[in-house]
Amino acid sequence: MKFTKMHGLGNDFVVVSAAALPTEPEVLAQKVCDRHFGAGADGLVFILPSHTGDCAMRIFNADGSEPEQCGNAVRCVARYYYERISGARNEMAVETRAGIQRVWLEAGGTRVRVDMGRPILGGKQIPTTLEGETVVDQPVEADGKSFRFTGVSMGNPHAVIFVEDATRFPVDEWGPRLETHPLFPQKTNVEFVTVHSPSQLDMRVWERGVGQTWACGTGACASVVAGVLTGRTRRNVRVRLKGGDLDIDWREEDGRVYMTGPATVVFEGEWLG
């Protein structure tokens, strides 16, 4: 199995172009993503044929679980498709489990803008166990510590928590406890966010099924939506992640969230396991 190692701001993937999924892709993902015995990655990504888009993306996390969406992976898929399949066509549609995403390539394919769609804000739809059209600044307690979170789905669930200093926050301690909290029936991604100004955030993330990663595109989108809903930010925000910056724009005219950031090729390889 030939693959390309790519990353979006340090959120790294083994990317494979294939005619169909292999048998037991969740098992293969655990082997390939192992950082000691495999190629090492946060996820295994397949670029597949699509009847509704230019190509389809399926992603399997390092633990074998399959998320509905991944913003950093979409950017990597777009660059791969742009350089190797589409003949450098700079606009495309990528089919994901969360729906079709429109993508535009900039700066020779190294910078990618993605239409991430409209955020889902209803309590049961995110999903959480809470009722209501929105879940804003709601209390949650884990092991005796109290937090307040805003729930957002960008095709996958997020719990956004505003903290005093995200860069120093013990993400590895509290992320897994909140990911599996009973409030979240399908578990959740957890973002710890500090607002520096109405146009700039710091964010650290605990990804469902992966752990702490250097970046999360859907998490950056969810954080800006939460910032707007709680009156902390504007709609156009630069989000500073451990691996670099993403520009997020939640447009008022169409309600859709647009994410712009890099996609980087690291190396080529062949899986022999």
C-alpha atoms as a PDB file:
ATOM      1  CA  MET A   1       0.000   0.000   0.000  1.00  0.00           C
ATOM      2  CA  LYS A   2       1.638   3.217  -1.176  1.00  0.00           C
ATOM      3  CA  PHE A   3       0.964   6.279   0.926  1.00  0.00           C
ATOM      4  CA  THR A   4       1.826   9.941   1.386  1.00  0.00           C
ATOM      5  CA  LYS A   5       2.524  11.369   4.832  1.00  0.00           C
ATOM      6  CA  MET A   6       0.900  14.801   5.176  1.00  0.00           C
ATOM      7  CA  HIS A   7      -0.085  17.196   7.917  1.00  0.00           C
ATOM      8  CA  GLY A   8      -2.220  20.239   8.555  1.00  0.00           C
ATOM      9  CA  LEU A   9      -0.431  22.309  11.207  1.00  0.00           C
ATOM     10  CA  GLY A  10       1.031  19.172  12.796  1.00  0.00           C
ATOM     11  CA  ASN A  11      -2.226  17.188  12.782  1.00  0.00           C
ATOM     12  CA  ASP A  12      -0.719  14.380  10.706  1.00  0.00           C
ATOM     13  CA  PHE A  13      -2.127  11.730   8.402  1.00  0.00           C
ATOM     14  CA  VAL A  14      -1.175   8.762   6.282  1.00  0.00           C
ATOM     15  CA  VAL A  15      -2.999   9.478   3.005  1.00  0.00           C
ATOM     16  CA  VAL A  16      -3.862   6.694   0.545  1.00  0.00           C
ATOM     17  CA  SER A  17      -5.547   6.980  -2.847  1.00  0.00           C
ATOM     18  CA  ALA A  18      -7.563   3.813  -3.487  1.00  0.00           C
ATOM     19  CA  ALA A  19     -10.404   2.426  -5.598  1.00  0.00           C
ATOM     20  CA  ALA A  20     -12.138   1.080  -2.487  1.00  0.00           C
ATOM     21  CA  LEU A  21     -11.651   0.714   1.247  1.00  0.00           C
ATOM     22  CA  PRO A  22      -9.546  -2.263   2.360  1.00  0.00           C
ATOM     23  CA  THR A  23     -11.056  -4.902   4.600  1.00  0.00           C
ATOM     24  CA  GLU A  24     -11.070  -3.897   8.276  1.00  0.00           C
ATOM     25  CA  PRO A  25      -9.787  -0.325   7.740  1.00  0.00           C
ATOM     26  CA  GLU A  26     -10.184   0.377  11.456  1.00  0.00           C
ATOM     27  CA  VAL A  27      -7.666  -2.369  12.288  1.00  0.00           C
ATOM     28  CA  LEU A  28      -5.281  -1.180   9.596  1.00  0.00           C
ATOM     29  CA  ALA A  29      -5.507   2.378  10.958  1.00  0.00           C
ATOM     30  CA  GLN A  30      -4.403   1.268  14.420  1.00  0.00           C
ATOM     31  CA  LYS A  31      -1.355  -0.479  12.944  1.00  0.00           C
ATOM     32  CA  VAL A  32      -0.363   2.246  10.478  1.00  0.00           C
ATOM     33  CA  CYS A  33      -0.848   5.121  12.940  1.00  0.00           C
ATOM     34  CA  ASP A  34       1.201   3.531  15.723  1.00  0.00           C
ATOM     35  CA  ARG A  35       4.158   5.859  16.257  1.00  0.00           C
ATOM     36  CA  HIS A  36       6.500   3.088  17.412  1.00  0.00           C
ATOM     37  CA  PHE A  37       5.592   0.149  15.162  1.00  0.00           C
ATOM     38  CA  GLY A  38       3.896   1.881  12.209  1.00  0.00           C
ATOM     39  CA  ALA A  39       4.263   4.976  10.051  1.00  0.00           C
ATOM     40  CA  GLY A  40       2.889   7.139  12.850  1.00  0.00           C
ATOM     41  CA  ALA A  41      -0.079   9.488  12.438  1.00  0.00           C
ATOM     42  CA  ASP A  42      -3.217  10.879  14.030  1.00  0.00           C
ATOM     43  CA  GLY A  43      -5.290   9.239  11.315  1.00  0.00           C
ATOM     44  CA  LEU A  44      -5.367   7.068   8.193  1.00  0.00           C
ATOM     45  CA  VAL A  45      -7.107   8.856   5.297  1.00  0.00           C
ATOM     46  CA  PHE A  46      -8.459   7.242   2.132  1.00  0.00           C
ATOM     47  CA  ILE A  47      -9.172   9.209  -1.047  1.00  0.00           C
ATOM     48  CA  LEU A  48     -11.891   7.287  -2.868  1.00  0.00           C
ATOM     49  CA  PRO A  49     -14.137   7.655  -5.938  1.00  0.00           C
ATOM     50  CA  SER A  50     -17.339   9.636  -5.388  1.00  0.00           C
ATOM     51  CA  HIS A  51     -20.703   9.800  -7.150  1.00  0.00           C
ATOM     52  CA  THR A  52     -21.539  13.191  -5.626  1.00  0.00           C
ATOM     53  CA  GLY A  53     -18.178  15.002  -5.493  1.00  0.00           C
ATOM     54  CA  ASP A  54     -14.812  15.030  -7.216  1.00  0.00           C
ATOM     55  CA  CYS A  55     -13.572  12.527  -4.640  1.00  0.00           C
ATOM     56  CA  ALA A  56     -14.603  11.048  -1.308  1.00  0.00           C
ATOM     57  CA  MET A  57     -12.676  11.084   1.981  1.00  0.00           C
ATOM     58  CA  ARG A  58     -12.853   8.460   4.710  1.00  0.00           C
ATOM     59  CA  ILE A  59     -10.714   8.917   7.811  1.00  0.00           C
ATOM     60  CA  PHE A  60      -9.969   6.471  10.607  1.00  0.00           C
ATOM     61  CA  ASN A  61      -8.428   7.736  13.836  1.00  0.00           C
ATOM     62  CA  ALA A  62      -5.392   6.215  15.495  1.00  0.00           C
ATOM     63  CA  ASP A  63      -7.706   4.187  17.767  1.00  0.00           C
ATOM     64  CA  GLY A  64      -9.645   2.806  14.770  1.00  0.00           C
ATOM     65  CA  SER A  65     -12.740   4.959  15.246  1.00  0.00           C
ATOM     66  CA  GLU A  66     -14.188   6.813  12.252  1.00  0.00           C
ATOM     67  CA  PRO A  67     -15.085  10.484  12.733  1.00  0.00           C
ATOM     68  CA  GLU A  68     -17.686  12.214  10.617  1.00  0.00           C
ATOM     69  CA  GLN A  69     -15.345  15.016   9.627  1.00  0.00           C
ATOM     70  CA  CYS A  70     -11.806  16.387   9.912  1.00  0.00           C
ATOM     71  CA  GLY A  71     -10.922  19.851   8.673  1.00  0.00           C
ATOM     72  CA  ASN A  72      -7.162  19.333   8.567  1.00  0.00           C
ATOM     73  CA  ALA A  73      -7.567  16.052   6.673  1.00  0.00           C
ATOM     74  CA  VAL A  74      -9.854  17.708   4.102  1.00  0.00           C
ATOM     75  CA  ARG A  75      -7.137  20.257   3.346  1.00  0.00           C
ATOM     76  CA  CYS A  76      -4.577  17.478   2.876  1.00  0.00           C
ATOM     77  CA  VAL A  77      -6.937  15.536   0.614  1.00  0.00           C
ATOM     78  CA  ALA A  78      -7.547  18.682  -1.440  1.00  0.00           C
ATOM     79  CA  ARG A  79      -3.847  19.304  -1.955  1.00  0.00           C
ATOM     80  CA  TYR A  80      -3.197  15.661  -2.883  1.00  0.00           C
ATOM     81  CA  TYR A  81      -6.094  15.690  -5.369  1.00  0.00           C
ATOM     82  CA  TYR A  82      -4.991  19.056  -6.785  1.00  0.00           C
ATOM     83  CA  GLU A  83      -1.413  17.945  -7.404  1.00  0.00           C
ATOM     84  CA  ARG A  84      -1.895  14.345  -8.527  1.00  0.00           C
ATOM     85  CA  ILE A  85      -5.397  13.768  -9.841  1.00  0.00           C
ATOM     86  CA  SER A  86      -7.266  16.900 -10.930  1.00  0.00           C
ATOM     87  CA  GLY A  87      -4.615  18.458 -13.160  1.00  0.00           C
ATOM     88  CA  ALA A  88      -4.164  21.431 -10.824  1.00  0.00           C
ATOM     89  CA  ARG A  89      -7.857  22.418 -10.904  1.00  0.00           C
ATOM     90  CA  ASN A  90      -8.136  24.820  -7.980  1.00  0.00           C
ATOM     91  CA  GLU A  91     -11.766  24.220  -7.030  1.00  0.00           C
ATOM     92  CA  MET A  92     -13.302  20.901  -6.068  1.00  0.00           C
ATOM     93  CA  ALA A  93     -15.949  19.150  -3.986  1.00  0.00           C
ATOM     94  CA  VAL A  94     -14.959  16.528  -1.410  1.00  0.00           C
ATOM     95  CA  GLU A  95     -17.537  14.029  -0.153  1.00  0.00           C
ATOM     96  CA  THR A  96     -17.299  13.296   3.591  1.00  0.00           C
ATOM     97  CA  ARG A  97     -19.535  11.514   6.073  1.00  0.00           C
ATOM     98  CA  ALA A  98     -20.718  14.989   7.110  1.00  0.00           C
ATOM     99  CA  GLY A  99     -21.662  15.909   3.524  1.00  0.00           C
ATOM    100  CA  ILE A 100     -20.097  17.601   0.502  1.00  0.00           C
ATOM    101  CA  GLN A 101     -17.446  20.240   1.193  1.00  0.00           C
ATOM    102  CA  ARG A 102     -16.396  22.820  -1.371  1.00  0.00           C
ATOM    103  CA  VAL A 103     -12.667  23.495  -1.428  1.00  0.00           C
ATOM    104  CA  TRP A 104     -10.487  26.157  -3.080  1.00  0.00           C
ATOM    105  CA  LEU A 105      -6.712  25.878  -3.532  1.00  0.00           C
ATOM    106  CA  GLU A 106      -4.509  28.946  -3.135  1.00  0.00           C
ATOM    107  CA  ALA A 107      -0.747  29.655  -3.255  1.00  0.00           C
ATOM    108  CA  GLY A 108       0.002  26.793  -5.626  1.00  0.00           C
ATOM    109  CA  GLY A 109      -2.008  24.319  -3.567  1.00  0.00           C
ATOM    110  CA  THR A 110      -0.147  24.844  -0.290  1.00  0.00           C
ATOM    111  CA  ARG A 111      -2.965  26.912   1.222  1.00  0.00           C
ATOM    112  CA  VAL A 112      -6.539  25.610   1.210  1.00  0.00           C
ATOM    113  CA  ARG A 113      -9.898  27.264   1.913  1.00  0.00           C
ATOM    114  CA  VAL A 114     -12.748  24.943   2.875  1.00  0.00           C
ATOM    115  CA  ASP A 115     -16.475  25.578   3.165  1.00  0.00           C
ATOM    116  CA  MET A 116     -17.101  23.728   6.427  1.00  0.00           C
ATOM    117  CA  GLY A 117     -20.875  24.238   6.254  1.00  0.00           C
ATOM    118  CA  ARG A 118     -23.328  25.606   8.782  1.00  0.00           C
ATOM    119  CA  PRO A 119     -22.717  24.769  12.442  1.00  0.00           C
ATOM    120  CA  ILE A 120     -25.261  22.555  14.175  1.00  0.00           C
ATOM    121  CA  LEU A 121     -26.282  24.111  17.482  1.00  0.00           C
ATOM    122  CA  GLY A 122     -29.273  22.129  18.777  1.00  0.00           C
ATOM    123  CA  GLY A 123     -28.568  20.242  21.977  1.00  0.00           C
ATOM    124  CA  LYS A 124     -29.761  16.845  20.771  1.00  0.00           C
ATOM    125  CA  GLN A 125     -28.288  17.283  17.297  1.00  0.00           C
ATOM    126  CA  ILE A 126     -24.705  18.078  18.408  1.00  0.00           C
ATOM    127  CA  PRO A 127     -25.297  15.592  20.154  1.00  0.00           C
ATOM    128  CA  THR A 128     -25.552  16.230  23.898  1.00  0.00           C
ATOM    129  CA  THR A 129     -28.151  15.035  26.360  1.00  0.00           C
ATOM    130  CA  LEU A 130     -29.373  18.639  26.752  1.00  0.00           C
ATOM    131  CA  GLU A 131     -32.510  20.102  25.196  1.00  0.00           C
ATOM    132  CA  GLY A 132     -32.711  23.470  23.495  1.00  0.00           C
ATOM    133  CA  GLU A 133     -31.899  25.250  20.234  1.00  0.00           C
ATOM    134  CA  THR A 134     -28.417  26.106  21.527  1.00  0.00           C
ATOM    135  CA  VAL A 135     -26.088  24.858  24.262  1.00  0.00           C
ATOM    136  CA  VAL A 136     -24.281  28.008  25.383  1.00  0.00           C
ATOM    137  CA  ASP A 137     -22.164  28.409  28.529  1.00  0.00           C
ATOM    138  CA  GLN A 138     -23.613  25.278  30.143  1.00  0.00           C
ATOM    139  CA  PRO A 139     -22.115  23.798  33.334  1.00  0.00           C
ATOM    140  CA  VAL A 140     -20.355  20.432  33.309  1.00  0.00           C
ATOM    141  CA  GLU A 141     -18.545  18.762  36.192  1.00  0.00           C
ATOM    142  CA  ALA A 142     -15.794  16.151  35.889  1.00  0.00           C
ATOM    143  CA  ASP A 143     -14.103  14.547  38.894  1.00  0.00           C
ATOM    144  CA  GLY A 144     -15.111  17.405  41.164  1.00  0.00           C
ATOM    145  CA  LYS A 145     -13.957  20.222  38.836  1.00  0.00           C
ATOM    146  CA  SER A 146     -16.530  22.528  37.271  1.00  0.00           C
ATOM    147  CA  PHE A 147     -16.369  23.898  33.726  1.00  0.00           C
ATOM    148  CA  ARG A 148     -18.735  25.767  31.429  1.00  0.00           C
ATOM    149  CA  PHE A 149     -18.954  24.699  27.797  1.00  0.00           C
ATOM    150  CA  THR A 150     -20.625  25.745  24.569  1.00  0.00           C
ATOM    151  CA  GLY A 151     -21.659  22.884  22.315  1.00  0.00           C
ATOM    152  CA  VAL A 152     -21.178  23.018  18.540  1.00  0.00           C
ATOM    153  CA  SER A 153     -21.213  20.391  15.823  1.00  0.00           C
ATOM    154  CA  MET A 154     -19.258  20.939  12.624  1.00  0.00           C
ATOM    155  CA  GLY A 155     -20.380  17.517  11.412  1.00  0.00           C
ATOM    156  CA  ASN A 156     -18.667  16.146  14.529  1.00  0.00           C
ATOM    157  CA  PRO A 157     -19.314  17.163  18.172  1.00  0.00           C
ATOM    158  CA  HIS A 158     -17.320  19.788  20.073  1.00  0.00           C
ATOM    159  CA  ALA A 159     -17.383  21.137  23.615  1.00  0.00           C
ATOM    160  CA  VAL A 160     -15.688  24.542  23.714  1.00  0.00           C
ATOM    161  CA  ILE A 161     -14.405  25.693  27.112  1.00  0.00           C
ATOM    162  CA  PHE A 162     -12.948  29.168  27.642  1.00  0.00           C
ATOM    163  CA  VAL A 163      -9.998  29.215  30.035  1.00  0.00           C
ATOM    164  CA  GLU A 164      -7.516  31.776  31.326  1.00  0.00           C
ATOM    165  CA  ASP A 165      -4.476  30.373  29.477  1.00  0.00           C
ATOM    166  CA  ALA A 166      -5.056  27.631  26.918  1.00  0.00           C
ATOM    167  CA  THR A 167      -1.336  27.241  26.207  1.00  0.00           C
ATOM    168  CA  ARG A 168      -0.670  26.156  29.811  1.00  0.00           C
ATOM    169  CA  PHE A 169      -3.906  24.302  30.475  1.00  0.00           C
ATOM    170  CA  PRO A 170      -3.512  20.587  31.429  1.00  0.00           C
ATOM    171  CA  VAL A 171      -5.292  19.282  28.324  1.00  0.00           C
ATOM    172  CA  ASP A 172      -4.076  15.699  28.821  1.00  0.00           C
ATOM    173  CA  GLU A 173      -5.605  15.629  32.299  1.00  0.00           C
ATOM    174  CA  TRP A 174      -9.066  17.040  31.611  1.00  0.00           C
ATOM    175  CA  GLY A 175      -9.551  16.305  27.918  1.00  0.00           C
ATOM    176  CA  PRO A 176     -10.155  12.553  28.278  1.00  0.00           C
ATOM    177  CA  ARG A 177     -12.475  13.035  31.254  1.00  0.00           C
ATOM    178  CA  LEU A 178     -14.639  15.475  29.350  1.00  0.00           C
ATOM    179  CA  GLU A 179     -14.518  13.505  26.076  1.00  0.00           C
ATOM    180  CA  THR A 180     -16.301  10.572  27.724  1.00  0.00           C
ATOM    181  CA  HIS A 181     -18.635  12.575  29.997  1.00  0.00           C
ATOM    182  CA  PRO A 182     -22.244  11.253  30.070  1.00  0.00           C
ATOM    183  CA  LEU A 183     -23.441  14.600  28.645  1.00  0.00           C
ATOM    184  CA  PHE A 184     -21.988  13.510  25.286  1.00  0.00           C
ATOM    185  CA  PRO A 185     -23.620  10.290  24.015  1.00  0.00           C
ATOM    186  CA  GLN A 186     -21.175   9.959  21.082  1.00  0.00           C
ATOM    187  CA  LYS A 187     -18.243  11.328  23.091  1.00  0.00           C
ATOM    188  CA  THR A 188     -16.906  14.753  22.086  1.00  0.00           C
ATOM    189  CA  ASN A 189     -13.886  16.729  20.972  1.00  0.00           C
ATOM    190  CA  VAL A 190     -12.871  19.235  23.648  1.00  0.00           C
ATOM    191  CA  GLU A 191     -11.393  22.674  22.929  1.00  0.00           C
ATOM    192  CA  PHE A 192      -9.737  24.829  25.593  1.00  0.00           C
ATOM    193  CA  VAL A 193      -9.735  28.408  24.344  1.00  0.00           C
ATOM    194  CA  THR A 194      -8.335  31.780  25.433  1.00  0.00           C
ATOM    195  CA  VAL A 195      -9.570  35.006  23.850  1.00  0.00           C
ATOM    196  CA  HIS A 196      -6.816  37.551  23.222  1.00  0.00           C
ATOM    197  CA  SER A 197      -8.967  39.953  21.236  1.00  0.00           C
ATOM    198  CA  PRO A 198     -12.232  39.832  19.255  1.00  0.00           C
ATOM    199  CA  SER A 199     -10.171  38.681  16.257  1.00  0.00           C
ATOM    200  CA  GLN A 200      -7.648  36.292  17.864  1.00  0.00           C
ATOM    201  CA  LEU A 201      -7.889  33.096  19.921  1.00  0.00           C
ATOM    202  CA  ASP A 202      -5.476  30.550  21.368  1.00  0.00           C
ATOM    203  CA  MET A 203      -6.811  26.980  21.250  1.00  0.00           C
ATOM    204  CA  ARG A 204      -5.663  23.594  22.481  1.00  0.00           C
ATOM    205  CA  VAL A 205      -7.613  20.477  21.646  1.00  0.00           C
ATOM    206  CA  TRP A 206      -8.312  16.994  22.887  1.00  0.00           C
ATOM    207  CA  GLU A 207      -9.557  15.051  19.869  1.00  0.00           C
ATOM    208  CA  ARG A 208     -12.086  12.269  20.296  1.00  0.00           C
ATOM    209  CA  GLY A 209     -10.401   8.962  19.527  1.00  0.00           C
ATOM    210  CA  VAL A 210      -6.924  10.488  19.156  1.00  0.00           C
ATOM    211  CA  GLY A 211      -5.888  12.529  22.193  1.00  0.00           C
ATOM    212  CA  GLN A 212      -4.186  15.902  22.217  1.00  0.00           C
ATOM    213  CA  THR A 213      -3.195  16.958  18.702  1.00  0.00           C
ATOM    214  CA  TRP A 214      -1.308  19.951  17.341  1.00  0.00           C
ATOM    215  CA  ALA A 215      -4.336  21.265  15.463  1.00  0.00           C
ATOM    216  CA  CYS A 216      -8.009  20.607  14.751  1.00  0.00           C
ATOM    217  CA  GLY A 217      -9.770  22.353  11.883  1.00  0.00           C
ATOM    218  CA  THR A 218     -13.333  21.578  12.961  1.00  0.00           C
ATOM    219  CA  GLY A 219     -12.339  22.517  16.520  1.00  0.00           C
ATOM    220  CA  ALA A 220     -11.066  25.907  15.359  1.00  0.00           C
ATOM    221  CA  CYS A 221     -14.371  26.469  13.545  1.00  0.00           C
ATOM    222  CA  ALA A 222     -16.363  25.411  16.613  1.00  0.00           C
ATOM    223  CA  SER A 223     -14.295  27.712  18.837  1.00  0.00           C
ATOM    224  CA  VAL A 224     -15.076  30.757  16.692  1.00  0.00           C
ATOM    225  CA  VAL A 225     -18.772  29.860  16.599  1.00  0.00           C
ATOM    226  CA  ALA A 226     -18.704  29.548  20.399  1.00  0.00           C
ATOM    227  CA  GLY A 227     -16.869  32.866  20.645  1.00  0.00           C
ATOM    228  CA  VAL A 228     -19.596  34.576  18.642  1.00  0.00           C
ATOM    229  CA  LEU A 229     -22.427  32.879  20.553  1.00  0.00           C
ATOM    230  CA  THR A 230     -20.971  33.998  23.896  1.00  0.00           C
ATOM    231  CA  GLY A 231     -20.198  37.532  22.690  1.00  0.00           C
ATOM    232  CA  ARG A 232     -16.429  37.121  22.954  1.00  0.00           C
ATOM    233  CA  THR A 233     -15.330  37.425  19.326  1.00  0.00           C
ATOM    234  CA  ARG A 234     -16.133  38.694  15.867  1.00  0.00           C
ATOM    235  CA  ARG A 235     -17.039  36.307  13.068  1.00  0.00           C
ATOM    236  CA  ASN A 236     -13.671  36.572  11.325  1.00  0.00           C
ATOM    237  CA  VAL A 237     -10.962  35.267  13.662  1.00  0.00           C
ATOM    238  CA  ARG A 238      -7.403  33.966  13.552  1.00  0.00           C
ATOM    239  CA  VAL A 239      -7.091  30.843  15.718  1.00  0.00           C
ATOM    240  CA  ARG A 240      -3.595  30.091  17.034  1.00  0.00           C
ATOM    241  CA  LEU A 241      -3.029  26.364  17.530  1.00  0.00           C
ATOM    242  CA  LYS A 242      -0.024  24.446  18.761  1.00  0.00           C
ATOM    243  CA  GLY A 243       0.982  23.750  15.146  1.00  0.00           C
ATOM    244  CA  GLY A 244       0.216  27.172  13.642  1.00  0.00           C
ATOM    245  CA  ASP A 245      -2.651  29.439  12.633  1.00  0.00           C
ATOM    246  CA  LEU A 246      -6.020  28.950  10.942  1.00  0.00           C
ATOM    247  CA  ASP A 247      -8.238  31.750   9.648  1.00  0.00           C
ATOM    248  CA  ILE A 248     -11.918  31.141  10.373  1.00  0.00           C
ATOM    249  CA  ASP A 249     -14.828  33.146   8.955  1.00  0.00           C
ATOM    250  CA  TRP A 250     -18.409  32.465  10.098  1.00  0.00           C
ATOM    251  CA  ARG A 251     -20.225  34.486   7.468  1.00  0.00           C
ATOM    252  CA  GLU A 252     -23.414  36.185   8.520  1.00  0.00           C
ATOM    253  CA  GLU A 253     -24.826  36.345   4.977  1.00  0.00           C
ATOM    254  CA  ASP A 254     -25.028  32.568   4.483  1.00  0.00           C
ATOM    255  CA  GLY A 255     -24.361  31.172   7.970  1.00  0.00           C
ATOM    256  CA  ARG A 256     -21.525  28.993   6.689  1.00  0.00           C
ATOM    257  CA  VAL A 257     -18.083  28.635   8.259  1.00  0.00           C
ATOM    258  CA  TYR A 258     -14.997  28.957   6.042  1.00  0.00           C
ATOM    259  CA  MET A 259     -11.594  27.683   7.166  1.00  0.00           C
ATOM    260  CA  THR A 260      -8.288  28.631   5.515  1.00  0.00           C
ATOM    261  CA  GLY A 261      -4.921  27.081   6.318  1.00  0.00           C
ATOM    262  CA  PRO A 262      -1.947  25.102   5.015  1.00  0.00           C
ATOM    263  CA  ALA A 263      -1.573  21.494   3.893  1.00  0.00           C
ATOM    264  CA  THR A 264       1.943  20.043   3.893  1.00  0.00           C
ATOM    265  CA  VAL A 265       3.490  16.984   2.216  1.00  0.00           C
ATOM    266  CA  VAL A 266       6.167  15.286   4.336  1.00  0.00           C
ATOM    267  CA  PHE A 267       7.245  12.064   2.601  1.00  0.00           C
ATOM    268  CA  GLU A 268       6.185   9.099   0.465  1.00  0.00           C
ATOM    269  CA  GLY A 269       6.215   5.502   1.622  1.00  0.00           C
ATOM    270  CA  GLU A 270       4.977   1.959   1.126  1.00  0.00           C
ATOM    271  CA  TRP A 271       3.235  -0.027   3.859  1.00  0.00           C
ATOM    272  CA  LEU A 272       4.500  -3.603   3.980  1.00  0.00           C
ATOM    273  CA  GLY A 273       2.833  -4.749   7.195  1.00  0.00           C
END
